[in-house]
C-alpha atoms as a PDB file:
ATOM      1  CA  MET A   1       0.000   0.000   0.000  1.00  0.00           C
ATOM      2  CA  ARG A   2       1.296   3.436  -0.912  1.00  0.00           C
ATOM      3  CA  GLY A   3       0.870   6.409   1.394  1.00  0.00           C
ATOM      4  CA  LEU A   4       0.349   6.298   5.150  1.00  0.00           C
ATOM      5  CA  ASP A   5      -1.551   3.513   6.902  1.00  0.00           C
ATOM      6  CA  ALA A   6      -1.360   3.946  10.660  1.00  0.00           C
ATOM      7  CA  ARG A   7      -3.004   3.456  13.987  1.00  0.00           C
ATOM      8  CA  VAL A   8      -1.148   5.814  16.293  1.00  0.00           C
ATOM      9  CA  ALA A   9      -1.236   4.629  19.905  1.00  0.00           C
ATOM     10  CA  VAL A  10       0.560   6.671  22.575  1.00  0.00           C
ATOM     11  CA  ARG A  11       0.196   6.659  26.352  1.00  0.00           C
ATOM     12  CA  ARG A  12       1.389   9.484  28.575  1.00  0.00           C
ATOM     13  CA  GLY A  13       0.302   9.262  32.193  1.00  0.00           C
ATOM     14  CA  THR A  14      -3.494   9.290  32.211  1.00  0.00           C
ATOM     15  CA  PHE A  15      -3.731  10.395  28.558  1.00  0.00           C
ATOM     16  CA  ALA A  16      -4.170   7.762  25.846  1.00  0.00           C
ATOM     17  CA  LEU A  17      -4.097   8.434  22.112  1.00  0.00           C
ATOM     18  CA  ASP A  18      -5.548   5.793  19.799  1.00  0.00           C
ATOM     19  CA  LEU A  19      -5.991   7.287  16.335  1.00  0.00           C
ATOM     20  CA  PRO A  20      -6.426   5.512  12.980  1.00  0.00           C
ATOM     21  CA  LEU A  21      -4.916   7.532  10.120  1.00  0.00           C
ATOM     22  CA  ALA A  22      -4.765   6.868   6.388  1.00  0.00           C
ATOM     23  CA  VAL A  23      -3.344   9.396   3.924  1.00  0.00           C
ATOM     24  CA  ALA A  24      -2.995   8.611   0.220  1.00  0.00           C
ATOM     25  CA  PRO A  25      -0.095   9.833  -1.948  1.00  0.00           C
ATOM     26  CA  GLY A  26      -0.823  13.377  -3.072  1.00  0.00           C
ATOM     27  CA  GLU A  27      -3.511  13.825  -0.408  1.00  0.00           C
ATOM     28  CA  VAL A  28      -3.463  16.525   2.287  1.00  0.00           C
ATOM     29  CA  VAL A  29      -5.248  15.622   5.524  1.00  0.00           C
ATOM     30  CA  ALA A  30      -5.819  18.225   8.250  1.00  0.00           C
ATOM     31  CA  LEU A  31      -5.843  16.980  11.827  1.00  0.00           C
ATOM     32  CA  LEU A  32      -8.139  19.168  13.955  1.00  0.00           C
ATOM     33  CA  GLY A  33      -9.065  19.144  17.616  1.00  0.00           C
ATOM     34  CA  PRO A  34      -9.029  21.172  20.837  1.00  0.00           C
ATOM     35  CA  ASN A  35      -5.885  21.727  22.892  1.00  0.00           C
ATOM     36  CA  GLY A  36      -4.706  18.501  24.476  1.00  0.00           C
ATOM     37  CA  ALA A  37      -6.583  16.278  22.030  1.00  0.00           C
ATOM     38  CA  GLY A  38      -3.383  14.563  20.852  1.00  0.00           C
ATOM     39  CA  LYS A  39      -2.799  16.178  17.445  1.00  0.00           C
ATOM     40  CA  SER A  40       0.866  17.139  17.865  1.00  0.00           C
ATOM     41  CA  THR A  41       1.511  13.922  19.774  1.00  0.00           C
ATOM     42  CA  ALA A  42       0.308  11.970  16.737  1.00  0.00           C
ATOM     43  CA  LEU A  43       2.690  13.870  14.441  1.00  0.00           C
ATOM     44  CA  ARG A  44       5.637  13.345  16.758  1.00  0.00           C
ATOM     45  CA  ALA A  45       4.878   9.649  17.033  1.00  0.00           C
ATOM     46  CA  LEU A  46       4.872   9.364  13.234  1.00  0.00           C
ATOM     47  CA  ALA A  47       8.193  11.221  13.091  1.00  0.00           C
ATOM     48  CA  GLY A  48       9.721   8.916  15.711  1.00  0.00           C
ATOM     49  CA  LEU A  49      10.059  11.652  18.336  1.00  0.00           C
ATOM     50  CA  VAL A  50       7.534  10.058  20.737  1.00  0.00           C
ATOM     51  CA  PRO A  51       7.435   6.314  21.556  1.00  0.00           C
ATOM     52  CA  THR A  52       4.292   4.422  20.595  1.00  0.00           C
ATOM     53  CA  ALA A  53       2.361   1.899  22.663  1.00  0.00           C
ATOM     54  CA  GLY A  54       1.071  -0.536  20.071  1.00  0.00           C
ATOM     55  CA  GLY A  55      -0.768   0.188  16.849  1.00  0.00           C
ATOM     56  CA  HIS A  56       1.092   0.305  13.541  1.00  0.00           C
ATOM     57  CA  LEU A  57       2.893   2.881  11.394  1.00  0.00           C
ATOM     58  CA  VAL A  58       3.312   1.914   7.744  1.00  0.00           C
ATOM     59  CA  LEU A  59       4.525   4.319   5.056  1.00  0.00           C
ATOM     60  CA  ASP A  60       4.617   3.163   1.429  1.00  0.00           C
ATOM     61  CA  GLY A  61       4.674  -0.437   2.635  1.00  0.00           C
ATOM     62  CA  THR A  62       7.537   0.103   5.106  1.00  0.00           C
ATOM     63  CA  ASP A  63       7.047  -0.408   8.841  1.00  0.00           C
ATOM     64  CA  LEU A  64       8.281   2.793  10.503  1.00  0.00           C
ATOM     65  CA  ALA A  65       8.095   1.548  14.097  1.00  0.00           C
ATOM     66  CA  PRO A  66      11.589   0.006  14.300  1.00  0.00           C
ATOM     67  CA  LEU A  67      13.253   2.842  12.372  1.00  0.00           C
ATOM     68  CA  PRO A  68      14.965   5.847  14.006  1.00  0.00           C
ATOM     69  CA  PRO A  69      13.678   9.312  12.979  1.00  0.00           C
ATOM     70  CA  GLU A  70      16.437   9.936  10.436  1.00  0.00           C
ATOM     71  CA  ARG A  71      15.545   6.791   8.470  1.00  0.00           C
ATOM     72  CA  ARG A  72      11.776   7.261   8.262  1.00  0.00           C
ATOM     73  CA  ARG A  73      11.467   9.326   5.039  1.00  0.00           C
ATOM     74  CA  VAL A  74       9.365  11.769   7.046  1.00  0.00           C
ATOM     75  CA  GLY A  75       9.741  15.538   6.732  1.00  0.00           C
ATOM     76  CA  MET A  76       8.458  17.807   9.488  1.00  0.00           C
ATOM     77  CA  VAL A  77       7.726  21.536   9.595  1.00  0.00           C
ATOM     78  CA  PHE A  78       7.360  22.930  13.110  1.00  0.00           C
ATOM     79  CA  GLN A  79       5.367  25.931  14.319  1.00  0.00           C
ATOM     80  CA  ASP A  80       8.552  27.623  15.575  1.00  0.00           C
ATOM     81  CA  TYR A  81      10.591  26.618  12.473  1.00  0.00           C
ATOM     82  CA  LEU A  82      13.506  25.012  14.413  1.00  0.00           C
ATOM     83  CA  LEU A  83      16.068  26.023  11.791  1.00  0.00           C
ATOM     84  CA  PHE A  84      19.706  25.377  12.663  1.00  0.00           C
ATOM     85  CA  PRO A  85      20.865  28.824  13.889  1.00  0.00           C
ATOM     86  CA  HIS A  86      24.519  28.313  12.923  1.00  0.00           C
ATOM     87  CA  LEU A  87      23.717  27.374   9.297  1.00  0.00           C
ATOM     88  CA  SER A  88      22.721  29.601   6.401  1.00  0.00           C
ATOM     89  CA  ALA A  89      19.325  29.214   4.773  1.00  0.00           C
ATOM     90  CA  LEU A  90      21.019  27.324   1.926  1.00  0.00           C
ATOM     91  CA  ASP A  91      22.771  24.885   4.252  1.00  0.00           C
ATOM     92  CA  ASN A  92      19.609  24.401   6.326  1.00  0.00           C
ATOM     93  CA  VAL A  93      17.808  23.225   3.183  1.00  0.00           C
ATOM     94  CA  ALA A  94      20.789  21.121   2.078  1.00  0.00           C
ATOM     95  CA  PHE A  95      20.923  19.346   5.437  1.00  0.00           C
ATOM     96  CA  GLY A  96      18.409  16.608   4.566  1.00  0.00           C
ATOM     97  CA  PRO A  97      19.941  15.615   1.208  1.00  0.00           C
ATOM     98  CA  ARG A  98      23.406  15.628   2.817  1.00  0.00           C
ATOM     99  CA  CYS A  99      22.163  13.250   5.535  1.00  0.00           C
ATOM    100  CA  GLN A 100      20.890  10.968   2.777  1.00  0.00           C
ATOM    101  CA  GLY A 101      24.384  10.751   1.317  1.00  0.00           C
ATOM    102  CA  MET A 102      24.232  13.404  -1.398  1.00  0.00           C
ATOM    103  CA  ARG A 103      27.513  15.174  -2.100  1.00  0.00           C
ATOM    104  CA  ARG A 104      27.853  18.677  -0.713  1.00  0.00           C
ATOM    105  CA  ARG A 105      27.882  20.467  -4.083  1.00  0.00           C
ATOM    106  CA  ALA A 106      24.844  18.568  -5.367  1.00  0.00           C
ATOM    107  CA  ALA A 107      22.977  19.099  -2.097  1.00  0.00           C
ATOM    108  CA  ARG A 108      23.649  22.832  -2.160  1.00  0.00           C
ATOM    109  CA  ARG A 109      22.548  23.004  -5.790  1.00  0.00           C
ATOM    110  CA  LEU A 110      19.297  21.222  -4.901  1.00  0.00           C
ATOM    111  CA  ALA A 111      18.846  23.528  -1.909  1.00  0.00           C
ATOM    112  CA  ALA A 112      19.258  26.579  -4.124  1.00  0.00           C
ATOM    113  CA  GLU A 113      16.552  25.221  -6.433  1.00  0.00           C
ATOM    114  CA  TRP A 114      14.188  24.801  -3.480  1.00  0.00           C
ATOM    115  CA  LEU A 115      14.884  28.283  -2.155  1.00  0.00           C
ATOM    116  CA  ASP A 116      14.032  29.596  -5.597  1.00  0.00           C
ATOM    117  CA  ARG A 117      10.770  27.601  -5.590  1.00  0.00           C
ATOM    118  CA  VAL A 118       9.700  29.139  -2.274  1.00  0.00           C
ATOM    119  CA  GLY A 119      10.614  32.648  -3.421  1.00  0.00           C
ATOM    120  CA  LEU A 120      13.856  33.046  -1.471  1.00  0.00           C
ATOM    121  CA  ALA A 121      16.474  32.817  -4.216  1.00  0.00           C
ATOM    122  CA  GLY A 122      18.368  35.840  -2.882  1.00  0.00           C
ATOM    123  CA  HIS A 123      18.432  34.714   0.767  1.00  0.00           C
ATOM    124  CA  GLY A 124      20.667  31.634   0.632  1.00  0.00           C
ATOM    125  CA  ALA A 125      23.455  33.197   2.671  1.00  0.00           C
ATOM    126  CA  ALA A 126      21.170  34.548   5.416  1.00  0.00           C
ATOM    127  CA  ARG A 127      21.219  33.009   8.880  1.00  0.00           C
ATOM    128  CA  PRO A 128      17.843  32.261  10.540  1.00  0.00           C
ATOM    129  CA  ARG A 129      18.089  35.337  12.814  1.00  0.00           C
ATOM    130  CA  GLU A 130      18.280  37.527   9.701  1.00  0.00           C
ATOM    131  CA  LEU A 131      15.015  36.178   8.255  1.00  0.00           C
ATOM    132  CA  SER A 132      11.472  37.339   8.898  1.00  0.00           C
ATOM    133  CA  GLY A 133       8.955  34.857  10.296  1.00  0.00           C
ATOM    134  CA  GLY A 134       7.463  34.235   6.860  1.00  0.00           C
ATOM    135  CA  GLN A 135      10.881  33.729   5.291  1.00  0.00           C
ATOM    136  CA  ALA A 136      11.963  31.356   8.059  1.00  0.00           C
ATOM    137  CA  GLN A 137       8.820  29.282   7.616  1.00  0.00           C
ATOM    138  CA  ARG A 138       9.462  29.024   3.869  1.00  0.00           C
ATOM    139  CA  VAL A 139      13.010  27.853   4.551  1.00  0.00           C
ATOM    140  CA  ALA A 140      11.627  25.245   6.968  1.00  0.00           C
ATOM    141  CA  LEU A 141       9.202  24.031   4.290  1.00  0.00           C
ATOM    142  CA  ALA A 142      11.981  23.893   1.673  1.00  0.00           C
ATOM    143  CA  ARG A 143      14.201  21.947   4.110  1.00  0.00           C
ATOM    144  CA  ALA A 144      11.451  19.371   4.654  1.00  0.00           C
ATOM    145  CA  LEU A 145      10.645  18.978   0.944  1.00  0.00           C
ATOM    146  CA  ALA A 146      14.250  18.887  -0.265  1.00  0.00           C
ATOM    147  CA  ALA A 147      14.699  15.513   1.424  1.00  0.00           C
ATOM    148  CA  ALA A 148      11.918  14.060  -0.809  1.00  0.00           C
ATOM    149  CA  PRO A 149       9.901  12.591   2.078  1.00  0.00           C
ATOM    150  CA  GLY A 150       7.135  10.069   1.595  1.00  0.00           C
ATOM    151  CA  LEU A 151       5.250  11.780   4.431  1.00  0.00           C
ATOM    152  CA  LEU A 152       5.205  15.515   5.161  1.00  0.00           C
ATOM    153  CA  LEU A 153       4.107  16.562   8.664  1.00  0.00           C
ATOM    154  CA  LEU A 154       3.151  20.190   9.322  1.00  0.00           C
ATOM    155  CA  ASP A 155       2.568  21.166  12.951  1.00  0.00           C
ATOM    156  CA  GLU A 156       0.700  24.510  13.061  1.00  0.00           C
ATOM    157  CA  PRO A 157       2.967  25.875  10.292  1.00  0.00           C
ATOM    158  CA  LEU A 158       1.189  29.258  10.086  1.00  0.00           C
ATOM    159  CA  ALA A 159       0.396  29.891  13.753  1.00  0.00           C
ATOM    160  CA  ALA A 160       3.424  32.083  14.518  1.00  0.00           C
ATOM    161  CA  LEU A 161       2.894  34.421  11.545  1.00  0.00           C
ATOM    162  CA  ASP A 162       1.160  37.783  11.518  1.00  0.00           C
ATOM    163  CA  ALA A 163      -2.088  38.145   9.562  1.00  0.00           C
ATOM    164  CA  ARG A 164      -0.584  39.619   6.367  1.00  0.00           C
ATOM    165  CA  THR A 165       2.309  37.158   6.231  1.00  0.00           C
ATOM    166  CA  ARG A 166      -0.069  34.304   6.996  1.00  0.00           C
ATOM    167  CA  LEU A 167      -2.067  35.020   3.841  1.00  0.00           C
ATOM    168  CA  ASP A 168       1.044  34.984   1.647  1.00  0.00           C
ATOM    169  CA  VAL A 169       2.569  31.868   3.217  1.00  0.00           C
ATOM    170  CA  ARG A 170      -0.779  30.024   3.136  1.00  0.00           C
ATOM    171  CA  ALA A 171      -1.042  30.675  -0.603  1.00  0.00           C
ATOM    172  CA  ALA A 172       2.535  29.499  -1.158  1.00  0.00           C
ATOM    173  CA  LEU A 173       1.976  26.429   1.018  1.00  0.00           C
ATOM    174  CA  ARG A 174      -1.136  25.541  -0.969  1.00  0.00           C
ATOM    175  CA  ARG A 175       0.863  25.636  -4.215  1.00  0.00           C
ATOM    176  CA  HIS A 176       3.636  23.443  -2.856  1.00  0.00           C
ATOM    177  CA  LEU A 177       1.266  20.918  -1.296  1.00  0.00           C
ATOM    178  CA  ALA A 178      -0.567  20.667  -4.625  1.00  0.00           C
ATOM    179  CA  GLY A 179       2.715  19.620  -6.228  1.00  0.00           C
ATOM    180  CA  PHE A 180       3.804  17.243  -3.467  1.00  0.00           C
ATOM    181  CA  ALA A 181       3.600  13.589  -4.498  1.00  0.00           C
ATOM    182  CA  GLY A 182       3.718  12.120  -1.009  1.00  0.00           C
ATOM    183  CA  ALA A 183       1.203  12.039   1.830  1.00  0.00           C
ATOM    184  CA  ALA A 184       0.795  15.238   3.865  1.00  0.00           C
ATOM    185  CA  LEU A 185      -0.638  15.603   7.373  1.00  0.00           C
ATOM    186  CA  LEU A 186      -1.382  19.093   8.686  1.00  0.00           C
ATOM    187  CA  VAL A 187      -2.167  20.014  12.302  1.00  0.00           C
ATOM    188  CA  THR A 188      -4.003  23.309  12.725  1.00  0.00           C
ATOM    189  CA  HIS A 189      -6.440  25.122  15.014  1.00  0.00           C
ATOM    190  CA  ASP A 190      -7.542  27.446  12.228  1.00  0.00           C
ATOM    191  CA  PRO A 191     -10.599  26.198  10.289  1.00  0.00           C
ATOM    192  CA  LEU A 192      -9.708  28.454   7.349  1.00  0.00           C
ATOM    193  CA  ASP A 193      -6.258  26.866   7.041  1.00  0.00           C
ATOM    194  CA  ALA A 194      -7.897  23.442   7.117  1.00  0.00           C
ATOM    195  CA  MET A 195     -10.584  24.299   4.569  1.00  0.00           C
ATOM    196  CA  VAL A 196      -8.104  25.953   2.164  1.00  0.00           C
ATOM    197  CA  LEU A 197      -5.233  23.480   2.410  1.00  0.00           C
ATOM    198  CA  ALA A 198      -6.763  20.058   3.090  1.00  0.00           C
ATOM    199  CA  ASP A 199      -8.509  17.494   0.927  1.00  0.00           C
ATOM    200  CA  ARG A 200      -9.922  15.773   3.998  1.00  0.00           C
ATOM    201  CA  LEU A 201     -10.406  16.590   7.686  1.00  0.00           C
ATOM    202  CA  VAL A 202      -9.826  14.284  10.651  1.00  0.00           C
ATOM    203  CA  VAL A 203     -11.127  15.530  14.004  1.00  0.00           C
ATOM    204  CA  VAL A 204      -9.704  14.144  17.244  1.00  0.00           C
ATOM    205  CA  GLU A 205     -10.943  14.794  20.789  1.00  0.00           C
ATOM    206  CA  ASP A 206      -9.519  13.246  23.963  1.00  0.00           C
ATOM    207  CA  GLY A 207      -7.228  11.049  21.891  1.00  0.00           C
ATOM    208  CA  ARG A 208     -10.026   9.533  19.791  1.00  0.00           C
ATOM    209  CA  LEU A 209     -11.319  10.030  16.249  1.00  0.00           C
ATOM    210  CA  VAL A 210     -14.744  11.727  16.418  1.00  0.00           C
ATOM    211  CA  GLN A 211     -15.352  12.760  12.799  1.00  0.00           C
ATOM    212  CA  GLU A 212     -13.706  12.708   9.380  1.00  0.00           C
ATOM    213  CA  GLY A 213     -14.638  13.636   5.837  1.00  0.00           C
ATOM    214  CA  VAL A 214     -14.154  16.197   3.101  1.00  0.00           C
ATOM    215  CA  PRO A 215     -14.261  19.785   4.432  1.00  0.00           C
ATOM    216  CA  ALA A 216     -17.694  20.595   2.990  1.00  0.00           C
ATOM    217  CA  ASP A 217     -19.312  17.542   4.608  1.00  0.00           C
ATOM    218  CA  VAL A 218     -17.720  18.138   8.010  1.00  0.00           C
ATOM    219  CA  ALA A 219     -18.732  21.809   7.913  1.00  0.00           C
ATOM    220  CA  ARG A 220     -22.296  20.945   6.900  1.00  0.00           C
ATOM    221  CA  ARG A 221     -22.782  18.052   9.331  1.00  0.00           C
ATOM    222  CA  PRO A 222     -20.740  18.560  12.534  1.00  0.00           C
ATOM    223  CA  ARG A 223     -21.021  15.746  15.069  1.00  0.00           C
ATOM    224  CA  THR A 224     -19.572  17.355  18.214  1.00  0.00           C
ATOM    225  CA  ASP A 225     -19.824  20.738  19.909  1.00  0.00           C
ATOM    226  CA  TYR A 226     -16.154  21.400  19.120  1.00  0.00           C
ATOM    227  CA  VAL A 227     -16.681  20.886  15.387  1.00  0.00           C
ATOM    228  CA  ALA A 228     -19.853  22.989  15.443  1.00  0.00           C
ATOM    229  CA  ARG A 229     -17.995  25.883  17.092  1.00  0.00           C
ATOM    230  CA  LEU A 230     -15.125  25.436  14.668  1.00  0.00           C
ATOM    231  CA  VAL A 231     -17.348  25.859  11.620  1.00  0.00           C
ATOM    232  CA  GLY A 232     -19.640  28.407  13.292  1.00  0.00           C
ATOM    233  CA  LEU A 233     -22.906  26.487  13.719  1.00  0.00           C
ATOM    234  CA  ASN A 234     -25.398  25.940  16.512  1.00  0.00           C
ATOM    235  CA  LEU A 235     -25.631  22.188  17.101  1.00  0.00           C
ATOM    236  CA  TYR A 236     -28.090  20.125  19.160  1.00  0.00           C
ATOM    237  CA  ARG A 237     -28.745  16.448  19.641  1.00  0.00           C
ATOM    238  CA  GLY A 238     -32.283  15.203  20.079  1.00  0.00           C
ATOM    239  CA  ARG A 239     -35.046  12.864  18.971  1.00  0.00           C
ATOM    240  CA  ALA A 240     -37.052  13.651  15.851  1.00  0.00           C
ATOM    241  CA  ARG A 241     -40.592  12.706  14.966  1.00  0.00           C
ATOM    242  CA  ARG A 242     -42.272  13.378  11.644  1.00  0.00           C
ATOM    243  CA  GLY A 243     -45.764  14.812  11.280  1.00  0.00           C
ATOM    244  CA  LYS A 244     -48.376  13.841   8.714  1.00  0.00           C
ATOM    245  CA  ASP A 245     -47.311  16.721   6.483  1.00  0.00           C
ATOM    246  CA  GLY A 246     -43.728  15.382   6.354  1.00  0.00           C
ATOM    247  CA  ALA A 247     -42.349  18.171   8.512  1.00  0.00           C
ATOM    248  CA  GLY A 248     -40.543  17.241  11.704  1.00  0.00           C
ATOM    249  CA  THR A 249     -40.102  18.295  15.300  1.00  0.00           C
ATOM    250  CA  VAL A 250     -36.889  17.640  17.186  1.00  0.00           C
ATOM    251  CA  ALA A 251     -37.053  17.352  20.966  1.00  0.00           C
ATOM    252  CA  ILE A 252     -33.691  18.720  22.105  1.00  0.00           C
ATOM    253  CA  ALA A 253     -31.893  16.525  24.635  1.00  0.00           C
ATOM    254  CA  ASP A 254     -31.211  19.495  26.949  1.00  0.00           C
ATOM    255  CA  GLY A 255     -34.834  20.713  26.790  1.00  0.00           C
ATOM    256  CA  GLY A 256     -37.132  22.488  24.357  1.00  0.00           C
ATOM    257  CA  SER A 257     -37.912  21.570  20.767  1.00  0.00           C
ATOM    258  CA  LEU A 258     -37.444  22.937  17.250  1.00  0.00           C
ATOM    259  CA  ASP A 259     -39.571  22.483  14.139  1.00  0.00           C
ATOM    260  CA  THR A 260     -37.976  21.498  10.849  1.00  0.00           C
ATOM    261  CA  VAL A 261     -39.154  21.319   7.254  1.00  0.00           C
ATOM    262  CA  ASP A 262     -38.109  17.719   6.832  1.00  0.00           C
ATOM    263  CA  SER A 263     -36.541  15.291   9.220  1.00  0.00           C
ATOM    264  CA  PRO A 264     -35.577  11.658   9.635  1.00  0.00           C
ATOM    265  CA  GLU A 265     -37.081   9.979  12.684  1.00  0.00           C
ATOM    266  CA  GLY A 266     -35.108   8.856  15.721  1.00  0.00           C
ATOM    267  CA  GLU A 267     -31.832  10.202  17.146  1.00  0.00           C
ATOM    268  CA  VAL A 268     -30.615  13.169  15.122  1.00  0.00           C
ATOM    269  CA  PHE A 269     -28.383  16.216  15.091  1.00  0.00           C
ATOM    270  CA  LEU A 270     -29.976  19.582  14.324  1.00  0.00           C
ATOM    271  CA  ALA A 271     -27.833  22.529  13.196  1.00  0.00           C
ATOM    272  CA  PHE A 272     -28.376  26.084  12.070  1.00  0.00           C
ATOM    273  CA  SER A 273     -26.198  29.099  11.365  1.00  0.00           C
ATOM    274  CA  PRO A 274     -25.925  31.971  13.877  1.00  0.00           C
ATOM    275  CA  ALA A 275     -26.782  34.295  10.970  1.00  0.00           C
ATOM    276  CA  SER A 276     -30.201  32.608  10.683  1.00  0.00           C
ATOM    277  CA  VAL A 277     -31.186  33.575  14.239  1.00  0.00           C
ATOM    278  CA  GLY A 278     -33.397  36.663  14.402  1.00  0.00           C
ATOM    279  CA  LEU A 279     -33.479  38.728  17.602  1.00  0.00           C
ATOM    280  CA  TYR A 280     -36.450  40.862  18.696  1.00  0.00           C
ATOM    281  CA  ARG A 281     -37.407  43.042  21.660  1.00  0.00           C
ATOM    282  CA  THR A 282     -40.980  41.673  21.611  1.00  0.00           C
ATOM    283  CA  ARG A 283     -42.445  38.413  20.393  1.00  0.00           C
ATOM    284  CA  PRO A 284     -42.233  38.532  16.571  1.00  0.00           C
ATOM    285  CA  ASP A 285     -45.111  38.100  14.197  1.00  0.00           C
ATOM    286  CA  GLY A 286     -44.847  36.420  10.817  1.00  0.00           C
ATOM    287  CA  SER A 287     -43.486  33.149   9.522  1.00  0.00           C
ATOM    288  CA  PRO A 288     -40.853  31.825  11.982  1.00  0.00           C
ATOM    289  CA  ARG A 289     -42.067  28.533  13.490  1.00  0.00           C
ATOM    290  CA  ASN A 290     -39.345  28.437  16.104  1.00  0.00           C
ATOM    291  CA  ILE A 291     -39.704  31.296  18.591  1.00  0.00           C
ATOM    292  CA  TRP A 292     -38.426  31.343  22.159  1.00  0.00           C
ATOM    293  CA  ARG A 293     -37.740  33.825  24.929  1.00  0.00           C
ATOM    294  CA  THR A 294     -34.149  33.835  26.151  1.00  0.00           C
ATOM    295  CA  ARG A 295     -31.475  36.063  27.665  1.00  0.00           C
ATOM    296  CA  VAL A 296     -28.262  37.641  26.361  1.00  0.00           C
ATOM    297  CA  ASP A 297     -25.249  35.943  27.910  1.00  0.00           C
ATOM    298  CA  ALA A 298     -22.449  37.800  26.065  1.00  0.00           C
ATOM    299  CA  VAL A 299     -21.872  40.132  23.127  1.00  0.00           C
ATOM    300  CA  GLU A 300     -18.637  39.642  21.162  1.00  0.00           C
ATOM    301  CA  ARG A 301     -17.174  41.246  18.059  1.00  0.00           C
ATOM    302  CA  HIS A 302     -16.656  38.748  15.215  1.00  0.00           C
ATOM    303  CA  GLY A 303     -15.019  40.420  12.211  1.00  0.00           C
ATOM    304  CA  ASP A 304     -17.452  43.015  10.891  1.00  0.00           C
ATOM    305  CA  ARG A 305     -20.369  41.273  12.632  1.00  0.00           C
ATOM    306  CA  VAL A 306     -21.314  40.693  16.271  1.00  0.00           C
ATOM    307  CA  ARG A 307     -21.879  37.307  17.925  1.00  0.00           C
ATOM    308  CA  VAL A 308     -24.570  37.309  20.603  1.00  0.00           C
ATOM    309  CA  ARG A 309     -24.492  34.346  22.964  1.00  0.00           C
ATOM    310  CA  LEU A 310     -27.915  33.400  24.290  1.00  0.00           C
ATOM    311  CA  SER A 311     -28.373  31.412  27.491  1.00  0.00           C
ATOM    312  CA  GLY A 312     -31.085  28.881  28.184  1.00  0.00           C
ATOM    313  CA  PRO A 313     -33.718  27.864  28.886  1.00  0.00           C
ATOM    314  CA  PRO A 314     -34.862  26.277  26.677  1.00  0.00           C
ATOM    315  CA  PHE A 315     -31.360  25.935  25.161  1.00  0.00           C
ATOM    316  CA  ALA A 316     -28.252  28.004  24.572  1.00  0.00           C
ATOM    317  CA  ALA A 317     -27.599  29.427  21.100  1.00  0.00           C
ATOM    318  CA  VAL A 318     -25.454  31.926  19.220  1.00  0.00           C
ATOM    319  CA  ALA A 319     -26.881  34.655  16.971  1.00  0.00           C
ATOM    320  CA  GLU A 320     -24.929  36.804  14.527  1.00  0.00           C
ATOM    321  CA  VAL A 321     -26.106  40.381  13.927  1.00  0.00           C
ATOM    322  CA  THR A 322     -24.782  43.713  12.689  1.00  0.00           C
ATOM    323  CA  PRO A 323     -23.345  46.378  15.026  1.00  0.00           C
ATOM    324  CA  ALA A 324     -26.378  48.509  14.124  1.00  0.00           C
ATOM    325  CA  ALA A 325     -28.701  45.782  15.402  1.00  0.00           C
ATOM    326  CA  VAL A 326     -26.772  45.667  18.690  1.00  0.00           C
ATOM    327  CA  ALA A 327     -27.463  49.380  19.174  1.00  0.00           C
ATOM    328  CA  GLU A 328     -31.080  49.192  17.987  1.00  0.00           C
ATOM    329  CA  LEU A 329     -31.940  46.257  20.259  1.00  0.00           C
ATOM    330  CA  ASP A 330     -29.765  47.592  23.088  1.00  0.00           C
ATOM    331  CA  LEU A 331     -28.153  44.186  23.442  1.00  0.00           C
ATOM    332  CA  SER A 332     -26.180  43.764  26.638  1.00  0.00           C
ATOM    333  CA  GLU A 333     -25.419  40.993  29.090  1.00  0.00           C
ATOM    334  CA  GLY A 334     -28.504  39.879  31.004  1.00  0.00           C
ATOM    335  CA  ARG A 335     -31.085  41.535  28.711  1.00  0.00           C
ATOM    336  CA  PRO A 336     -34.219  39.421  27.978  1.00  0.00           C
ATOM    337  CA  ILE A 337     -34.740  38.931  24.241  1.00  0.00           C
ATOM    338  CA  TRP A 338     -36.884  36.965  21.803  1.00  0.00           C
ATOM    339  CA  ALA A 339     -35.126  34.679  19.325  1.00  0.00           C
ATOM    340  CA  ALA A 340     -36.505  33.067  16.176  1.00  0.00           C
ATOM    341  CA  VAL A 341     -35.277  30.609  13.533  1.00  0.00           C
ATOM    342  CA  LYS A 342     -37.240  29.602  10.465  1.00  0.00           C
ATOM    343  CA  ALA A 343     -37.804  25.875  10.077  1.00  0.00           C
ATOM    344  CA  THR A 344     -36.330  26.177   6.575  1.00  0.00           C
ATOM    345  CA  GLU A 345     -33.029  27.353   8.102  1.00  0.00           C
ATOM    346  CA  THR A 346     -32.521  24.204  10.179  1.00  0.00           C
ATOM    347  CA  HIS A 347     -30.526  21.225   8.955  1.00  0.00           C
ATOM    348  CA  VAL A 348     -31.257  17.771  10.426  1.00  0.00           C
ATOM    349  CA  TYR A 349     -29.266  14.565   9.936  1.00  0.00           C
ATOM    350  CA  PRO A 350     -28.970  11.170  11.685  1.00  0.00           C
ATOM    351  CA  ALA A 351     -26.883  11.015  14.864  1.00  0.00           C
END
C-alpha cells in the first residue's frame, strides 16, 4: 500500500491516544481538535520523536516503528521553524539531502533550487536570525521537501505568523502541497487553514477520532460541539418525529424543541447558522415557526459582525447580527430577548 496507513497509539500518564490515520499519496489531511486532544503527539509519534504503545505505522509499505527518525522518510515543519541557527538558509535546506548521502555540491545546488521555488532565491546566505517569520517558515518548508519525504508533517505551520504574512505563506503552502507527491498531514487550530489546504479533515478529541470527511461535509454536518464551534454552527442532539405533512419536530436533549421542514425519525443532530437567528425586543409576528424567549449571555465582536451568545432555557444558542442591530436592540449581558429561527433554516441529519 502506498501512502500512510497507521493506527497511532501513545500513552502518557493518564492520557491515551488511539488514532487511525490513512493518507494517500498526493492527499493533504488536516488533523483538527481542541488543545490537548493529541494532534501534535500523533505527528511526533509518526516522526519517531515520541514512543508508541502498540498500533502500527506503515509508510509506502515500510514499517516505521523500528526505524529511528532519520531513516523514516518523514519531513516535518514545526510551528517555531527550528532552523539550525549556525547554518545559512542554503545549508539548512541542504541538510536533509546531505544526511541521505548526497555530495555537498549537489545538495547545495538542490537547496538553491528549493529556495528559488519558495521565493527566497536571494536569501541563501542569510542566517535564521536575519530572516522574517514568513521567510523562516518558507526555509523550513523547503528543508522538509528537499529531502523528498514520503510523508510531510506540518505542525501549526502558520500559527506564529502575523495576519498579512499568513495570507502569503498560506497561498505558497497551498501551491507546494498541490505539487507534493507524497502524503501530507497538517495540524491546525484554524478552520480556514484546514478548509483551504486540506482534501480531507480528521477531528480528534480526547485522543479519539470523532469525525472525518471532506471539508464541505464536516462543515455541513458537525457531530460534536467542538466541530460545530469550529465551523460556526449551533448544534443540538435530540429525537425527531415526523408529522403527517412530512415536517418534523426535534425534541432537544437538553430541553425544548425545534420544528424542521423535513426530518428523519429517531436520534438526530440539528444545526443552524448563527446568521439565521433573528433577535427581537418583543415576540415577533410572521413566519418563523421556532420562537423562544431567552437572555443575552455575552456580546462579542466577530469580524465586521457581532456574535450574541444566548443562554437557556430552553437551550443556549449563538446569533450573529450587525453592530447597528446591537445598538437598535440595546443588546447587553442579562437583557431578555426573543429569538426566532425559520424551520427552513434548520438542517437535520442522523446522529
